[in-house]
Amino acid sequence: MFTICRVLFRAIHEGRWVKIEYRNQQNEQTVFWIGIKNLDPWNRTLDVEGFSLKQYSIDRYKKIFIASIM
């Protein structure tokens, strides 16, 4: 978890996109490239713009849980 937070911090600081593997609510693992728009440290969530490698689409995700990033 510490390395994930370090990578996310560096991406926010440098303004870069990050490749993540995310476990969704259906317990499926998906791969995204995300650009972090906002961070909510109290709820441990991210507001991101994500590019789904499975669907080849860019969407806005208001609530990505940091704990679900693998």
C-alpha atoms as a PDB file:
ATOM      1  CA  MET A   1       0.000   0.000   0.000  1.00  0.00           C
ATOM      2  CA  PHE A   2       2.847   2.377   0.791  1.00  0.00           C
ATOM      3  CA  THR A   3       4.339   2.035  -2.696  1.00  0.00           C
ATOM      4  CA  ILE A   4       0.919   2.647  -4.285  1.00  0.00           C
ATOM      5  CA  CYS A   5       0.543   5.871  -2.318  1.00  0.00           C
ATOM      6  CA  ARG A   6       4.058   6.907  -3.292  1.00  0.00           C
ATOM      7  CA  VAL A   7       3.327   6.335  -6.997  1.00  0.00           C
ATOM      8  CA  LEU A   8       0.048   8.262  -6.723  1.00  0.00           C
ATOM      9  CA  PHE A   9       1.760  11.162  -4.944  1.00  0.00           C
ATOM     10  CA  ARG A  10       4.444  11.327  -7.614  1.00  0.00           C
ATOM     11  CA  ALA A  11       1.801  11.284 -10.381  1.00  0.00           C
ATOM     12  CA  ILE A  12      -0.089  14.151  -8.712  1.00  0.00           C
ATOM     13  CA  HIS A  13       3.096  16.130  -8.184  1.00  0.00           C
ATOM     14  CA  GLU A  14       4.365  15.662 -11.742  1.00  0.00           C
ATOM     15  CA  GLY A  15       0.938  15.841 -13.430  1.00  0.00           C
ATOM     16  CA  ARG A  16       1.308  12.463 -15.124  1.00  0.00           C
ATOM     17  CA  TRP A  17      -0.993   9.585 -15.955  1.00  0.00           C
ATOM     18  CA  VAL A  18      -0.546   6.310 -14.048  1.00  0.00           C
ATOM     19  CA  LYS A  19      -1.322   2.750 -15.084  1.00  0.00           C
ATOM     20  CA  ILE A  20      -3.278   0.956 -12.349  1.00  0.00           C
ATOM     21  CA  GLU A  21      -4.996  -2.358 -11.832  1.00  0.00           C
ATOM     22  CA  TYR A  22      -8.275  -1.803 -10.015  1.00  0.00           C
ATOM     23  CA  ARG A  23     -10.656  -4.250  -8.331  1.00  0.00           C
ATOM     24  CA  ASN A  24     -14.224  -3.012  -8.894  1.00  0.00           C
ATOM     25  CA  GLN A  25     -17.379  -3.722  -6.862  1.00  0.00           C
ATOM     26  CA  GLN A  26     -18.077  -6.921  -8.813  1.00  0.00           C
ATOM     27  CA  ASN A  27     -14.590  -8.118  -7.727  1.00  0.00           C
ATOM     28  CA  GLU A  28     -13.320  -7.946 -11.318  1.00  0.00           C
ATOM     29  CA  GLN A  29      -9.840  -6.707 -12.033  1.00  0.00           C
ATOM     30  CA  THR A  30      -9.608  -3.931 -14.632  1.00  0.00           C
ATOM     31  CA  VAL A  31      -6.656  -2.014 -16.019  1.00  0.00           C
ATOM     32  CA  PHE A  32      -6.794   1.780 -16.358  1.00  0.00           C
ATOM     33  CA  TRP A  33      -4.570   4.684 -17.183  1.00  0.00           C
ATOM     34  CA  ILE A  34      -5.676   7.464 -14.835  1.00  0.00           C
ATOM     35  CA  GLY A  35      -5.082  11.183 -14.632  1.00  0.00           C
ATOM     36  CA  ILE A  36      -5.761  12.309 -11.069  1.00  0.00           C
ATOM     37  CA  LYS A  37      -7.981  15.389 -10.810  1.00  0.00           C
ATOM     38  CA  ASN A  38      -8.587  15.489  -7.061  1.00  0.00           C
ATOM     39  CA  LEU A  39      -7.692  13.584  -3.902  1.00  0.00           C
ATOM     40  CA  ASP A  40      -9.945  13.079  -0.878  1.00  0.00           C
ATOM     41  CA  PRO A  41      -7.634  11.870   1.922  1.00  0.00           C
ATOM     42  CA  TRP A  42     -10.428  11.603   4.515  1.00  0.00           C
ATOM     43  CA  ASN A  43     -12.396   9.078   2.473  1.00  0.00           C
ATOM     44  CA  ARG A  44      -9.276   7.675   0.752  1.00  0.00           C
ATOM     45  CA  THR A  45     -10.731   8.211  -2.717  1.00  0.00           C
ATOM     46  CA  LEU A  46      -9.564   9.769  -5.970  1.00  0.00           C
ATOM     47  CA  ASP A  47     -11.414  11.803  -8.572  1.00  0.00           C
ATOM     48  CA  VAL A  48      -9.840  10.725 -11.859  1.00  0.00           C
ATOM     49  CA  GLU A  49     -10.137  10.792 -15.602  1.00  0.00           C
ATOM     50  CA  GLY A  50      -9.523   7.241 -16.730  1.00  0.00           C
ATOM     51  CA  PHE A  51      -8.731   5.488 -19.974  1.00  0.00           C
ATOM     52  CA  SER A  52     -10.026   1.917 -19.929  1.00  0.00           C
ATOM     53  CA  LEU A  53      -7.819  -0.472 -21.867  1.00  0.00           C
ATOM     54  CA  LYS A  54     -10.696  -2.952 -22.130  1.00  0.00           C
ATOM     55  CA  GLN A  55     -13.293  -0.544 -23.534  1.00  0.00           C
ATOM     56  CA  TYR A  56     -10.962   1.945 -25.263  1.00  0.00           C
ATOM     57  CA  SER A  57     -12.824   4.881 -23.767  1.00  0.00           C
ATOM     58  CA  ILE A  58     -12.047   7.865 -21.569  1.00  0.00           C
ATOM     59  CA  ASP A  59     -14.475   8.471 -18.698  1.00  0.00           C
ATOM     60  CA  ARG A  60     -14.619  10.554 -15.534  1.00  0.00           C
ATOM     61  CA  TYR A  61     -14.635   8.512 -12.334  1.00  0.00           C
ATOM     62  CA  LYS A  62     -15.572  10.584  -9.282  1.00  0.00           C
ATOM     63  CA  LYS A  63     -14.815   7.922  -6.696  1.00  0.00           C
ATOM     64  CA  ILE A  64     -11.913   5.491  -7.081  1.00  0.00           C
ATOM     65  CA  PHE A  65     -10.999   3.853  -3.769  1.00  0.00           C
ATOM     66  CA  ILE A  66      -7.262   3.827  -3.072  1.00  0.00           C
ATOM     67  CA  ALA A  67      -7.589   0.532  -1.167  1.00  0.00           C
ATOM     68  CA  SER A  68      -8.931  -1.161  -4.343  1.00  0.00           C
ATOM     69  CA  ILE A  69      -5.831  -0.302  -6.375  1.00  0.00           C
ATOM     70  CA  MET A  70      -3.541  -3.290  -6.722  1.00  0.00           C
END
